């Protein structure tokens, strides 16, 4: 008995509808987001092509790839036609895209303003469901030496080891740092704990001649800068 899903696999589509062939003939930029996802999942279901299934998945997140990246493997498996393997393929591809964006940002970054820090760190922590605290280590030209996660916590907050912050700075030869953490709640208002920690790190840095240039609170679309608001 023939496979009822065979007709809907890419190899049996009309040539104009085959994302793989379209990519080879016209280049990757010619494909829509749905067609690229269709290549990842390879086939749809008995009653739906891979492209149609991909379009349906994208429609559920208003065709926003950043929102799609927030869906878990379990979330993706709720769509008929998406099993565990296909869900993992989509998740892995989106994570690679996220990491590539972060690496490109790191390669070119010289921190000149708070916006530079936001552009560097938003792809990394901007849309996380939990809070993370990171340090951006800078040299004497304000170029990024390293970005390092100091802590990862629940949505209520994180714990930061002040000694580790400056141990890493000394090992890297960093002369300045920028503190960064995200607020999954979306609020940009610093908490009392945020203010206290910033002050504590600034004082500790002064004794080692390492400047705390700024502290950013990052959300998905915006940020709050302690330096810009004269809170340092």
C-alpha atoms as a PDB file:
ATOM      1  CA  UNK A   1       0.000   0.000   0.000  1.00  0.00           C
ATOM      2  CA  UNK A   2       1.364   3.413  -0.953  1.00  0.00           C
ATOM      3  CA  UNK A   3       2.095   6.023   1.698  1.00  0.00           C
ATOM      4  CA  UNK A   4      -0.886   8.431   1.881  1.00  0.00           C
ATOM      5  CA  UNK A   5       1.534  11.231   2.807  1.00  0.00           C
ATOM      6  CA  UNK A   6       3.737  10.688  -0.230  1.00  0.00           C
ATOM      7  CA  UNK A   7       1.858  13.100  -2.487  1.00  0.00           C
ATOM      8  CA  UNK A   8       2.450  15.921  -0.036  1.00  0.00           C
ATOM      9  CA  UNK A   9       6.227  15.426   0.236  1.00  0.00           C
ATOM     10  CA  UNK A  10       8.349  18.048  -1.503  1.00  0.00           C
ATOM     11  CA  UNK A  11       9.618  15.682  -4.184  1.00  0.00           C
ATOM     12  CA  UNK A  12       6.095  15.236  -5.559  1.00  0.00           C
ATOM     13  CA  UNK A  13       5.091  18.902  -5.723  1.00  0.00           C
ATOM     14  CA  UNK A  14       5.012  20.897  -8.917  1.00  0.00           C
ATOM     15  CA  UNK A  15       8.467  22.336  -9.556  1.00  0.00           C
ATOM     16  CA  UNK A  16       7.331  25.927  -8.932  1.00  0.00           C
ATOM     17  CA  UNK A  17       6.120  24.884  -5.472  1.00  0.00           C
ATOM     18  CA  UNK A  18       9.251  23.047  -4.343  1.00  0.00           C
ATOM     19  CA  UNK A  19      11.136  25.178  -1.811  1.00  0.00           C
ATOM     20  CA  UNK A  20      14.364  23.191  -2.178  1.00  0.00           C
ATOM     21  CA  UNK A  21      14.429  23.566  -5.939  1.00  0.00           C
ATOM     22  CA  UNK A  22      13.399  27.199  -5.647  1.00  0.00           C
ATOM     23  CA  UNK A  23      16.329  27.839  -3.290  1.00  0.00           C
ATOM     24  CA  UNK A  24      18.759  26.222  -5.743  1.00  0.00           C
ATOM     25  CA  UNK A  25      17.381  28.020  -8.799  1.00  0.00           C
ATOM     26  CA  UNK A  26      16.584  31.464  -7.370  1.00  0.00           C
ATOM     27  CA  UNK A  27      18.659  31.686  -4.187  1.00  0.00           C
ATOM     28  CA  UNK A  28      17.756  31.603  -0.512  1.00  0.00           C
ATOM     29  CA  UNK A  29      16.455  35.169  -0.406  1.00  0.00           C
ATOM     30  CA  UNK A  30      13.711  34.283  -2.884  1.00  0.00           C
ATOM     31  CA  UNK A  31      12.009  32.014  -0.357  1.00  0.00           C
ATOM     32  CA  UNK A  32       9.369  33.145   2.101  1.00  0.00           C
ATOM     33  CA  UNK A  33       9.673  32.346   5.799  1.00  0.00           C
ATOM     34  CA  UNK A  34       7.069  29.612   5.343  1.00  0.00           C
ATOM     35  CA  UNK A  35       9.026  28.042   2.474  1.00  0.00           C
ATOM     36  CA  UNK A  36      12.211  28.004   4.546  1.00  0.00           C
ATOM     37  CA  UNK A  37      10.385  26.302   7.419  1.00  0.00           C
ATOM     38  CA  UNK A  38       8.868  23.852   4.920  1.00  0.00           C
ATOM     39  CA  UNK A  39      12.393  22.781   3.960  1.00  0.00           C
ATOM     40  CA  UNK A  40      13.090  22.049   7.632  1.00  0.00           C
ATOM     41  CA  UNK A  41      10.005  19.903   8.143  1.00  0.00           C
ATOM     42  CA  UNK A  42      10.181  18.272   4.662  1.00  0.00           C
ATOM     43  CA  UNK A  43       6.548  17.124   4.539  1.00  0.00           C
ATOM     44  CA  UNK A  44       3.124  18.079   5.741  1.00  0.00           C
ATOM     45  CA  UNK A  45       0.213  15.856   6.606  1.00  0.00           C
ATOM     46  CA  UNK A  46      -2.279  13.927   4.526  1.00  0.00           C
ATOM     47  CA  UNK A  47      -4.411  16.977   3.901  1.00  0.00           C
ATOM     48  CA  UNK A  48      -1.849  19.771   4.098  1.00  0.00           C
ATOM     49  CA  UNK A  49       1.432  20.529   2.338  1.00  0.00           C
ATOM     50  CA  UNK A  50       4.560  21.463   4.243  1.00  0.00           C
ATOM     51  CA  UNK A  51       4.263  25.073   3.046  1.00  0.00           C
ATOM     52  CA  UNK A  52       0.616  25.316   4.109  1.00  0.00           C
ATOM     53  CA  UNK A  53       1.473  23.819   7.499  1.00  0.00           C
ATOM     54  CA  UNK A  54       4.354  26.276   7.882  1.00  0.00           C
ATOM     55  CA  UNK A  55       2.070  29.163   6.945  1.00  0.00           C
ATOM     56  CA  UNK A  56      -0.403  28.035   9.603  1.00  0.00           C
ATOM     57  CA  UNK A  57       2.310  27.868  12.261  1.00  0.00           C
ATOM     58  CA  UNK A  58       3.563  31.343  11.339  1.00  0.00           C
ATOM     59  CA  UNK A  59       0.032  32.746  11.321  1.00  0.00           C
ATOM     60  CA  UNK A  60      -0.352  31.627  14.952  1.00  0.00           C
ATOM     61  CA  UNK A  61       2.462  34.022  15.927  1.00  0.00           C
ATOM     62  CA  UNK A  62       1.399  36.832  13.578  1.00  0.00           C
ATOM     63  CA  UNK A  63       4.194  35.871  11.137  1.00  0.00           C
ATOM     64  CA  UNK A  64       6.803  37.019  13.651  1.00  0.00           C
ATOM     65  CA  UNK A  65       9.933  34.840  13.778  1.00  0.00           C
ATOM     66  CA  UNK A  66      10.924  36.214  17.184  1.00  0.00           C
ATOM     67  CA  UNK A  67       7.591  35.037  18.564  1.00  0.00           C
ATOM     68  CA  UNK A  68       7.999  31.683  16.817  1.00  0.00           C
ATOM     69  CA  UNK A  69      11.363  31.254  18.555  1.00  0.00           C
ATOM     70  CA  UNK A  70       9.581  31.470  21.911  1.00  0.00           C
ATOM     71  CA  UNK A  71       7.527  28.340  21.206  1.00  0.00           C
ATOM     72  CA  UNK A  72       8.799  25.203  22.877  1.00  0.00           C
ATOM     73  CA  UNK A  73       9.059  21.801  21.216  1.00  0.00           C
ATOM     74  CA  UNK A  74       5.871  20.870  23.048  1.00  0.00           C
ATOM     75  CA  UNK A  75       4.111  23.997  21.766  1.00  0.00           C
ATOM     76  CA  UNK A  76       5.087  23.208  18.173  1.00  0.00           C
ATOM     77  CA  UNK A  77       3.857  19.641  18.511  1.00  0.00           C
ATOM     78  CA  UNK A  78       0.366  20.948  19.108  1.00  0.00           C
ATOM     79  CA  UNK A  79       0.116  21.603  15.361  1.00  0.00           C
ATOM     80  CA  UNK A  80      -1.235  18.634  13.439  1.00  0.00           C
ATOM     81  CA  UNK A  81       1.564  17.354  11.227  1.00  0.00           C
ATOM     82  CA  UNK A  82       4.380  18.429  13.554  1.00  0.00           C
ATOM     83  CA  UNK A  83       5.947  15.567  15.464  1.00  0.00           C
ATOM     84  CA  UNK A  84       8.864  15.729  17.848  1.00  0.00           C
ATOM     85  CA  UNK A  85      11.542  15.486  15.144  1.00  0.00           C
ATOM     86  CA  UNK A  86      10.058  18.327  13.088  1.00  0.00           C
ATOM     87  CA  UNK A  87       9.568  20.482  16.181  1.00  0.00           C
ATOM     88  CA  UNK A  88      13.205  19.934  17.155  1.00  0.00           C
ATOM     89  CA  UNK A  89      14.362  20.895  13.644  1.00  0.00           C
ATOM     90  CA  UNK A  90      12.460  24.192  13.800  1.00  0.00           C
ATOM     91  CA  UNK A  91      13.724  24.957  17.310  1.00  0.00           C
ATOM     92  CA  UNK A  92      17.333  24.173  16.383  1.00  0.00           C
ATOM     93  CA  UNK A  93      17.231  26.345  13.248  1.00  0.00           C
ATOM     94  CA  UNK A  94      15.833  29.331  15.129  1.00  0.00           C
ATOM     95  CA  UNK A  95      18.428  28.937  17.874  1.00  0.00           C
ATOM     96  CA  UNK A  96      21.228  28.916  15.277  1.00  0.00           C
ATOM     97  CA  UNK A  97      19.830  32.133  13.818  1.00  0.00           C
ATOM     98  CA  UNK A  98      19.767  33.705  17.255  1.00  0.00           C
ATOM     99  CA  UNK A  99      23.371  32.688  17.967  1.00  0.00           C
ATOM    100  CA  UNK A 100      24.553  33.941  14.591  1.00  0.00           C
ATOM    101  CA  UNK A 101      22.967  37.327  15.227  1.00  0.00           C
ATOM    102  CA  UNK A 102      24.677  37.532  18.600  1.00  0.00           C
ATOM    103  CA  UNK A 103      28.091  36.614  17.158  1.00  0.00           C
ATOM    104  CA  UNK A 104      27.856  39.188  14.374  1.00  0.00           C
ATOM    105  CA  UNK A 105      26.972  41.822  16.936  1.00  0.00           C
ATOM    106  CA  UNK A 106      29.936  40.855  19.116  1.00  0.00           C
ATOM    107  CA  UNK A 107      32.417  40.990  16.246  1.00  0.00           C
ATOM    108  CA  UNK A 108      31.640  44.562  15.269  1.00  0.00           C
ATOM    109  CA  UNK A 109      30.814  46.103  18.611  1.00  0.00           C
ATOM    110  CA  UNK A 110      32.524  49.046  20.102  1.00  0.00           C
ATOM    111  CA  UNK A 111      30.387  50.311  22.937  1.00  0.00           C
ATOM    112  CA  UNK A 112      29.732  53.978  22.328  1.00  0.00           C
ATOM    113  CA  UNK A 113      26.372  54.397  24.069  1.00  0.00           C
ATOM    114  CA  UNK A 114      23.694  52.481  25.918  1.00  0.00           C
ATOM    115  CA  UNK A 115      22.023  51.658  22.600  1.00  0.00           C
ATOM    116  CA  UNK A 116      25.151  49.756  21.559  1.00  0.00           C
ATOM    117  CA  UNK A 117      24.789  47.512  24.604  1.00  0.00           C
ATOM    118  CA  UNK A 118      21.098  46.963  23.890  1.00  0.00           C
ATOM    119  CA  UNK A 119      21.838  45.943  20.290  1.00  0.00           C
ATOM    120  CA  UNK A 120      24.501  43.536  21.529  1.00  0.00           C
ATOM    121  CA  UNK A 121      22.519  41.906  24.321  1.00  0.00           C
ATOM    122  CA  UNK A 122      18.877  42.029  23.246  1.00  0.00           C
ATOM    123  CA  UNK A 123      19.229  39.032  20.887  1.00  0.00           C
ATOM    124  CA  UNK A 124      20.710  37.037  23.772  1.00  0.00           C
ATOM    125  CA  UNK A 125      18.392  37.824  26.693  1.00  0.00           C
ATOM    126  CA  UNK A 126      15.634  40.084  25.389  1.00  0.00           C
ATOM    127  CA  UNK A 127      12.937  37.452  24.978  1.00  0.00           C
ATOM    128  CA  UNK A 128      13.844  34.946  27.694  1.00  0.00           C
ATOM    129  CA  UNK A 129      11.064  33.784  30.068  1.00  0.00           C
ATOM    130  CA  UNK A 130      13.453  33.933  33.038  1.00  0.00           C
ATOM    131  CA  UNK A 131      15.893  36.524  34.366  1.00  0.00           C
ATOM    132  CA  UNK A 132      19.610  36.417  33.587  1.00  0.00           C
ATOM    133  CA  UNK A 133      22.447  38.714  34.678  1.00  0.00           C
ATOM    134  CA  UNK A 134      25.324  39.323  32.261  1.00  0.00           C
ATOM    135  CA  UNK A 135      28.539  41.341  32.265  1.00  0.00           C
ATOM    136  CA  UNK A 136      29.991  42.996  29.171  1.00  0.00           C
ATOM    137  CA  UNK A 137      33.760  43.331  29.632  1.00  0.00           C
ATOM    138  CA  UNK A 138      35.474  46.173  27.766  1.00  0.00           C
ATOM    139  CA  UNK A 139      39.063  47.153  27.000  1.00  0.00           C
ATOM    140  CA  UNK A 140      40.468  50.682  27.152  1.00  0.00           C
ATOM    141  CA  UNK A 141      38.991  51.422  23.696  1.00  0.00           C
ATOM    142  CA  UNK A 142      35.537  50.356  24.870  1.00  0.00           C
ATOM    143  CA  UNK A 143      35.650  47.327  22.586  1.00  0.00           C
ATOM    144  CA  UNK A 144      33.974  44.160  23.799  1.00  0.00           C
ATOM    145  CA  UNK A 145      36.385  41.597  25.199  1.00  0.00           C
ATOM    146  CA  UNK A 146      33.738  39.159  26.348  1.00  0.00           C
ATOM    147  CA  UNK A 147      30.104  38.850  27.344  1.00  0.00           C
ATOM    148  CA  UNK A 148      29.553  36.503  30.242  1.00  0.00           C
ATOM    149  CA  UNK A 149      26.468  35.180  31.999  1.00  0.00           C
ATOM    150  CA  UNK A 150      26.905  35.574  35.759  1.00  0.00           C
ATOM    151  CA  UNK A 151      23.637  34.114  36.901  1.00  0.00           C
ATOM    152  CA  UNK A 152      20.388  32.618  35.722  1.00  0.00           C
ATOM    153  CA  UNK A 153      17.323  32.706  37.883  1.00  0.00           C
ATOM    154  CA  UNK A 154      13.602  32.535  38.063  1.00  0.00           C
ATOM    155  CA  UNK A 155      11.329  35.306  36.984  1.00  0.00           C
ATOM    156  CA  UNK A 156      11.645  36.856  40.458  1.00  0.00           C
ATOM    157  CA  UNK A 157      15.345  37.649  40.139  1.00  0.00           C
ATOM    158  CA  UNK A 158      18.932  36.443  40.145  1.00  0.00           C
ATOM    159  CA  UNK A 159      21.879  36.239  42.527  1.00  0.00           C
ATOM    160  CA  UNK A 160      25.152  37.809  41.464  1.00  0.00           C
ATOM    161  CA  UNK A 161      28.605  36.953  42.817  1.00  0.00           C
ATOM    162  CA  UNK A 162      30.408  40.318  42.975  1.00  0.00           C
ATOM    163  CA  UNK A 163      33.807  38.651  43.449  1.00  0.00           C
ATOM    164  CA  UNK A 164      33.375  36.623  40.275  1.00  0.00           C
ATOM    165  CA  UNK A 165      32.495  39.756  38.291  1.00  0.00           C
ATOM    166  CA  UNK A 166      35.867  41.346  39.015  1.00  0.00           C
ATOM    167  CA  UNK A 167      37.892  38.140  39.030  1.00  0.00           C
ATOM    168  CA  UNK A 168      36.898  37.713  35.384  1.00  0.00           C
ATOM    169  CA  UNK A 169      37.647  41.392  34.674  1.00  0.00           C
ATOM    170  CA  UNK A 170      41.174  41.040  36.049  1.00  0.00           C
ATOM    171  CA  UNK A 171      41.813  37.841  34.094  1.00  0.00           C
ATOM    172  CA  UNK A 172      40.647  39.503  30.859  1.00  0.00           C
ATOM    173  CA  UNK A 173      42.517  42.734  31.484  1.00  0.00           C
ATOM    174  CA  UNK A 174      39.242  44.604  31.310  1.00  0.00           C
ATOM    175  CA  UNK A 175      39.236  48.245  32.435  1.00  0.00           C
ATOM    176  CA  UNK A 176      35.470  48.734  32.353  1.00  0.00           C
ATOM    177  CA  UNK A 177      32.277  46.710  32.554  1.00  0.00           C
ATOM    178  CA  UNK A 178      28.631  47.138  31.706  1.00  0.00           C
ATOM    179  CA  UNK A 179      26.052  45.292  33.769  1.00  0.00           C
ATOM    180  CA  UNK A 180      23.067  43.865  31.930  1.00  0.00           C
ATOM    181  CA  UNK A 181      20.009  41.920  32.988  1.00  0.00           C
ATOM    182  CA  UNK A 182      16.580  41.302  31.546  1.00  0.00           C
ATOM    183  CA  UNK A 183      13.105  41.783  32.962  1.00  0.00           C
ATOM    184  CA  UNK A 184      10.809  39.062  31.571  1.00  0.00           C
ATOM    185  CA  UNK A 185       7.833  40.984  32.958  1.00  0.00           C
ATOM    186  CA  UNK A 186       8.499  43.750  30.437  1.00  0.00           C
ATOM    187  CA  UNK A 187       8.826  46.467  33.060  1.00  0.00           C
ATOM    188  CA  UNK A 188      11.733  48.863  32.670  1.00  0.00           C
ATOM    189  CA  UNK A 189      11.633  50.254  36.190  1.00  0.00           C
ATOM    190  CA  UNK A 190      14.658  49.190  38.286  1.00  0.00           C
ATOM    191  CA  UNK A 191      13.887  47.464  41.553  1.00  0.00           C
ATOM    192  CA  UNK A 192      15.481  48.408  44.861  1.00  0.00           C
ATOM    193  CA  UNK A 193      17.605  45.272  44.521  1.00  0.00           C
ATOM    194  CA  UNK A 194      18.784  46.464  41.087  1.00  0.00           C
ATOM    195  CA  UNK A 195      19.786  49.829  42.526  1.00  0.00           C
ATOM    196  CA  UNK A 196      21.576  48.275  45.506  1.00  0.00           C
ATOM    197  CA  UNK A 197      23.494  45.776  43.389  1.00  0.00           C
ATOM    198  CA  UNK A 198      24.597  48.489  40.959  1.00  0.00           C
ATOM    199  CA  UNK A 199      25.948  50.592  43.809  1.00  0.00           C
ATOM    200  CA  UNK A 200      27.708  47.579  45.336  1.00  0.00           C
ATOM    201  CA  UNK A 201      29.407  46.674  42.057  1.00  0.00           C
ATOM    202  CA  UNK A 202      30.394  50.272  41.343  1.00  0.00           C
ATOM    203  CA  UNK A 203      32.098  50.614  44.737  1.00  0.00           C
ATOM    204  CA  UNK A 204      33.868  47.257  44.330  1.00  0.00           C
ATOM    205  CA  UNK A 205      35.091  48.263  40.881  1.00  0.00           C
ATOM    206  CA  UNK A 206      36.484  51.579  42.077  1.00  0.00           C
ATOM    207  CA  UNK A 207      38.845  49.816  44.481  1.00  0.00           C
ATOM    208  CA  UNK A 208      40.279  47.857  41.512  1.00  0.00           C
ATOM    209  CA  UNK A 209      40.240  50.805  39.092  1.00  0.00           C
ATOM    210  CA  UNK A 210      37.624  49.068  36.964  1.00  0.00           C
ATOM    211  CA  UNK A 211      34.758  51.327  35.944  1.00  0.00           C
ATOM    212  CA  UNK A 212      31.115  50.294  35.921  1.00  0.00           C
ATOM    213  CA  UNK A 213      30.044  52.338  32.905  1.00  0.00           C
ATOM    214  CA  UNK A 214      26.374  51.420  32.871  1.00  0.00           C
ATOM    215  CA  UNK A 215      23.705  48.970  33.943  1.00  0.00           C
ATOM    216  CA  UNK A 216      20.996  48.104  31.441  1.00  0.00           C
ATOM    217  CA  UNK A 217      17.629  46.510  32.069  1.00  0.00           C
ATOM    218  CA  UNK A 218      16.536  44.900  28.816  1.00  0.00           C
ATOM    219  CA  UNK A 219      13.107  43.794  27.661  1.00  0.00           C
ATOM    220  CA  UNK A 220      12.054  42.402  24.297  1.00  0.00           C
ATOM    221  CA  UNK A 221      11.711  45.801  22.639  1.00  0.00           C
ATOM    222  CA  UNK A 222      13.341  48.400  24.855  1.00  0.00           C
ATOM    223  CA  UNK A 223      15.815  49.120  27.653  1.00  0.00           C
ATOM    224  CA  UNK A 224      16.546  51.253  30.692  1.00  0.00           C
ATOM    225  CA  UNK A 225      20.038  52.715  31.162  1.00  0.00           C
ATOM    226  CA  UNK A 226      21.242  53.661  34.637  1.00  0.00           C
ATOM    227  CA  UNK A 227      23.871  55.959  33.082  1.00  0.00           C
ATOM    228  CA  UNK A 228      21.366  57.725  30.834  1.00  0.00           C
ATOM    229  CA  UNK A 229      19.105  58.301  33.838  1.00  0.00           C
ATOM    230  CA  UNK A 230      22.003  59.539  36.043  1.00  0.00           C
ATOM    231  CA  UNK A 231      21.658  56.652  38.482  1.00  0.00           C
ATOM    232  CA  UNK A 232      25.351  55.727  38.465  1.00  0.00           C
END
